[in-house]
Amino acid sequence: MKEIIAFLYANPIGCLATVDDDGRPHVRPWKFMFEQDGKLWFHTSNSKEVYYQLQ
């Protein structure tokens, strides 16, 4: 896990892929925020489509 966290801090921008209600893929840039207690934290607003797609 330490290697993954070090990689994410060194390369915080990546891509996140989700699928919409019609089954179409959406790929967007995504930024790693931080690690706490062995959990990786990312951020988005609950008013965005990606929030609903992740649920």
N, C-alpha and C. Protein backbone atom coordinates (compact mmCIF):
# COMPACT_ATOMS: atom_id res chain seq x y z
N MET A 1 0.82 -1.19 0.00
CA MET A 1 0.00 0.00 0.00
C MET A 1 0.87 1.26 0.00
N LYS A 2 2.00 1.22 0.67
CA LYS A 2 2.88 2.39 0.71
C LYS A 2 3.34 2.79 -0.68
N GLU A 3 3.60 1.81 -1.54
CA GLU A 3 4.03 2.10 -2.91
C GLU A 3 2.91 2.77 -3.69
N ILE A 4 1.69 2.33 -3.50
CA ILE A 4 0.54 2.92 -4.19
C ILE A 4 0.34 4.36 -3.75
N ILE A 5 0.40 4.60 -2.45
CA ILE A 5 0.22 5.95 -1.91
C ILE A 5 1.32 6.88 -2.41
N ALA A 6 2.55 6.41 -2.40
CA ALA A 6 3.67 7.22 -2.90
C ALA A 6 3.46 7.55 -4.38
N PHE A 7 3.00 6.57 -5.15
CA PHE A 7 2.73 6.80 -6.57
C PHE A 7 1.65 7.85 -6.76
N LEU A 8 0.57 7.77 -5.99
CA LEU A 8 -0.53 8.71 -6.13
C LEU A 8 -0.11 10.12 -5.73
N TYR A 9 0.70 10.27 -4.69
CA TYR A 9 1.18 11.60 -4.32
C TYR A 9 2.10 12.17 -5.40
N ALA A 10 2.88 11.31 -6.03
CA ALA A 10 3.79 11.76 -7.09
C ALA A 10 3.05 12.04 -8.40
N ASN A 11 1.91 11.37 -8.60
CA ASN A 11 1.11 11.49 -9.83
C ASN A 11 -0.36 11.65 -9.45
N PRO A 12 -0.76 12.80 -8.92
CA PRO A 12 -2.11 12.92 -8.37
C PRO A 12 -3.24 12.97 -9.40
N ILE A 13 -2.93 13.26 -10.65
CA ILE A 13 -3.98 13.33 -11.68
C ILE A 13 -4.01 12.02 -12.46
N GLY A 14 -5.18 11.42 -12.52
CA GLY A 14 -5.36 10.19 -13.26
C GLY A 14 -6.69 10.24 -14.00
N CYS A 15 -7.19 9.11 -14.40
CA CYS A 15 -8.47 9.04 -15.10
C CYS A 15 -9.41 8.12 -14.33
N LEU A 16 -10.67 8.51 -14.30
CA LEU A 16 -11.71 7.70 -13.68
C LEU A 16 -12.76 7.41 -14.74
N ALA A 17 -13.13 6.16 -14.87
CA ALA A 17 -14.15 5.77 -15.84
C ALA A 17 -15.41 5.31 -15.12
N THR A 18 -16.55 5.81 -15.58
CA THR A 18 -17.85 5.38 -15.07
C THR A 18 -18.74 5.06 -16.26
N VAL A 19 -19.93 4.59 -15.98
CA VAL A 19 -20.90 4.27 -17.03
C VAL A 19 -22.19 5.01 -16.70
N ASP A 20 -22.79 5.67 -17.70
CA ASP A 20 -24.03 6.40 -17.44
C ASP A 20 -25.23 5.46 -17.49
N ASP A 21 -26.42 6.01 -17.31
CA ASP A 21 -27.64 5.21 -17.27
C ASP A 21 -27.93 4.48 -18.58
N ASP A 22 -27.39 5.01 -19.68
CA ASP A 22 -27.58 4.38 -20.99
C ASP A 22 -26.49 3.36 -21.31
N GLY A 23 -25.57 3.14 -20.38
CA GLY A 23 -24.50 2.17 -20.59
C GLY A 23 -23.29 2.73 -21.32
N ARG A 24 -23.27 4.05 -21.55
CA ARG A 24 -22.14 4.67 -22.24
C ARG A 24 -21.03 5.00 -21.25
N PRO A 25 -19.79 4.71 -21.61
CA PRO A 25 -18.67 5.02 -20.70
C PRO A 25 -18.35 6.52 -20.70
N HIS A 26 -17.92 6.98 -19.55
CA HIS A 26 -17.44 8.36 -19.40
C HIS A 26 -16.09 8.28 -18.68
N VAL A 27 -15.08 8.87 -19.30
CA VAL A 27 -13.74 8.90 -18.71
C VAL A 27 -13.40 10.37 -18.48
N ARG A 28 -12.94 10.66 -17.27
CA ARG A 28 -12.64 12.05 -16.92
C ARG A 28 -11.38 12.11 -16.09
N PRO A 29 -10.69 13.26 -16.11
CA PRO A 29 -9.54 13.41 -15.22
C PRO A 29 -10.02 13.41 -13.77
N TRP A 30 -9.21 12.88 -12.89
CA TRP A 30 -9.60 12.77 -11.49
C TRP A 30 -8.36 12.99 -10.65
N LYS A 31 -8.49 13.73 -9.58
CA LYS A 31 -7.33 14.04 -8.74
C LYS A 31 -7.41 13.33 -7.40
N PHE A 32 -6.33 12.65 -7.07
CA PHE A 32 -6.17 12.04 -5.75
C PHE A 32 -6.02 13.14 -4.72
N MET A 33 -6.73 13.04 -3.60
CA MET A 33 -6.66 14.08 -2.57
C MET A 33 -5.66 13.72 -1.47
N PHE A 34 -5.91 12.60 -0.76
CA PHE A 34 -5.00 12.19 0.32
C PHE A 34 -5.32 10.79 0.80
N GLU A 35 -4.46 10.27 1.65
CA GLU A 35 -4.63 8.96 2.28
C GLU A 35 -4.78 9.20 3.77
N GLN A 36 -5.72 8.49 4.39
CA GLN A 36 -5.91 8.58 5.84
C GLN A 36 -6.35 7.21 6.35
N ASP A 37 -5.62 6.70 7.32
CA ASP A 37 -5.95 5.40 7.93
C ASP A 37 -6.09 4.28 6.90
N GLY A 38 -5.23 4.30 5.89
CA GLY A 38 -5.24 3.25 4.88
C GLY A 38 -6.33 3.38 3.83
N LYS A 39 -7.05 4.51 3.84
CA LYS A 39 -8.11 4.73 2.84
C LYS A 39 -7.67 5.85 1.91
N LEU A 40 -8.00 5.70 0.63
CA LEU A 40 -7.67 6.70 -0.37
C LEU A 40 -8.88 7.62 -0.54
N TRP A 41 -8.64 8.92 -0.52
CA TRP A 41 -9.72 9.90 -0.61
C TRP A 41 -9.65 10.67 -1.93
N PHE A 42 -10.79 10.78 -2.56
CA PHE A 42 -10.99 11.56 -3.76
C PHE A 42 -12.15 12.51 -3.47
N HIS A 43 -12.42 13.44 -4.34
CA HIS A 43 -13.46 14.43 -4.03
C HIS A 43 -14.31 14.73 -5.26
N THR A 44 -15.61 14.89 -5.03
CA THR A 44 -16.52 15.39 -6.05
C THR A 44 -17.72 16.01 -5.36
N SER A 45 -18.53 16.71 -6.10
CA SER A 45 -19.75 17.32 -5.58
C SER A 45 -20.91 16.34 -5.75
N ASN A 46 -21.84 16.35 -4.80
CA ASN A 46 -22.99 15.46 -4.91
C ASN A 46 -24.02 15.95 -5.93
N SER A 47 -23.71 17.04 -6.63
CA SER A 47 -24.61 17.51 -7.68
C SER A 47 -24.12 17.12 -9.08
N LYS A 48 -22.99 16.42 -9.15
CA LYS A 48 -22.43 16.03 -10.45
C LYS A 48 -22.87 14.62 -10.86
N GLU A 49 -22.91 14.41 -12.16
CA GLU A 49 -23.30 13.10 -12.68
C GLU A 49 -22.38 11.99 -12.16
N VAL A 50 -21.10 12.29 -12.04
CA VAL A 50 -20.15 11.27 -11.60
C VAL A 50 -20.50 10.77 -10.20
N TYR A 51 -21.03 11.62 -9.37
CA TYR A 51 -21.43 11.22 -8.02
C TYR A 51 -22.49 10.12 -8.10
N TYR A 52 -23.49 10.33 -8.92
CA TYR A 52 -24.57 9.35 -9.08
C TYR A 52 -24.08 8.08 -9.77
N GLN A 53 -23.17 8.24 -10.72
CA GLN A 53 -22.61 7.07 -11.41
C GLN A 53 -21.79 6.21 -10.45
N LEU A 54 -21.10 6.84 -9.52
CA LEU A 54 -20.29 6.08 -8.56
C LEU A 54 -21.16 5.34 -7.54
N GLN A 55 -22.32 5.91 -7.24
CA GLN A 55 -23.20 5.24 -6.28
C GLN A 55 -23.67 3.93 -6.86
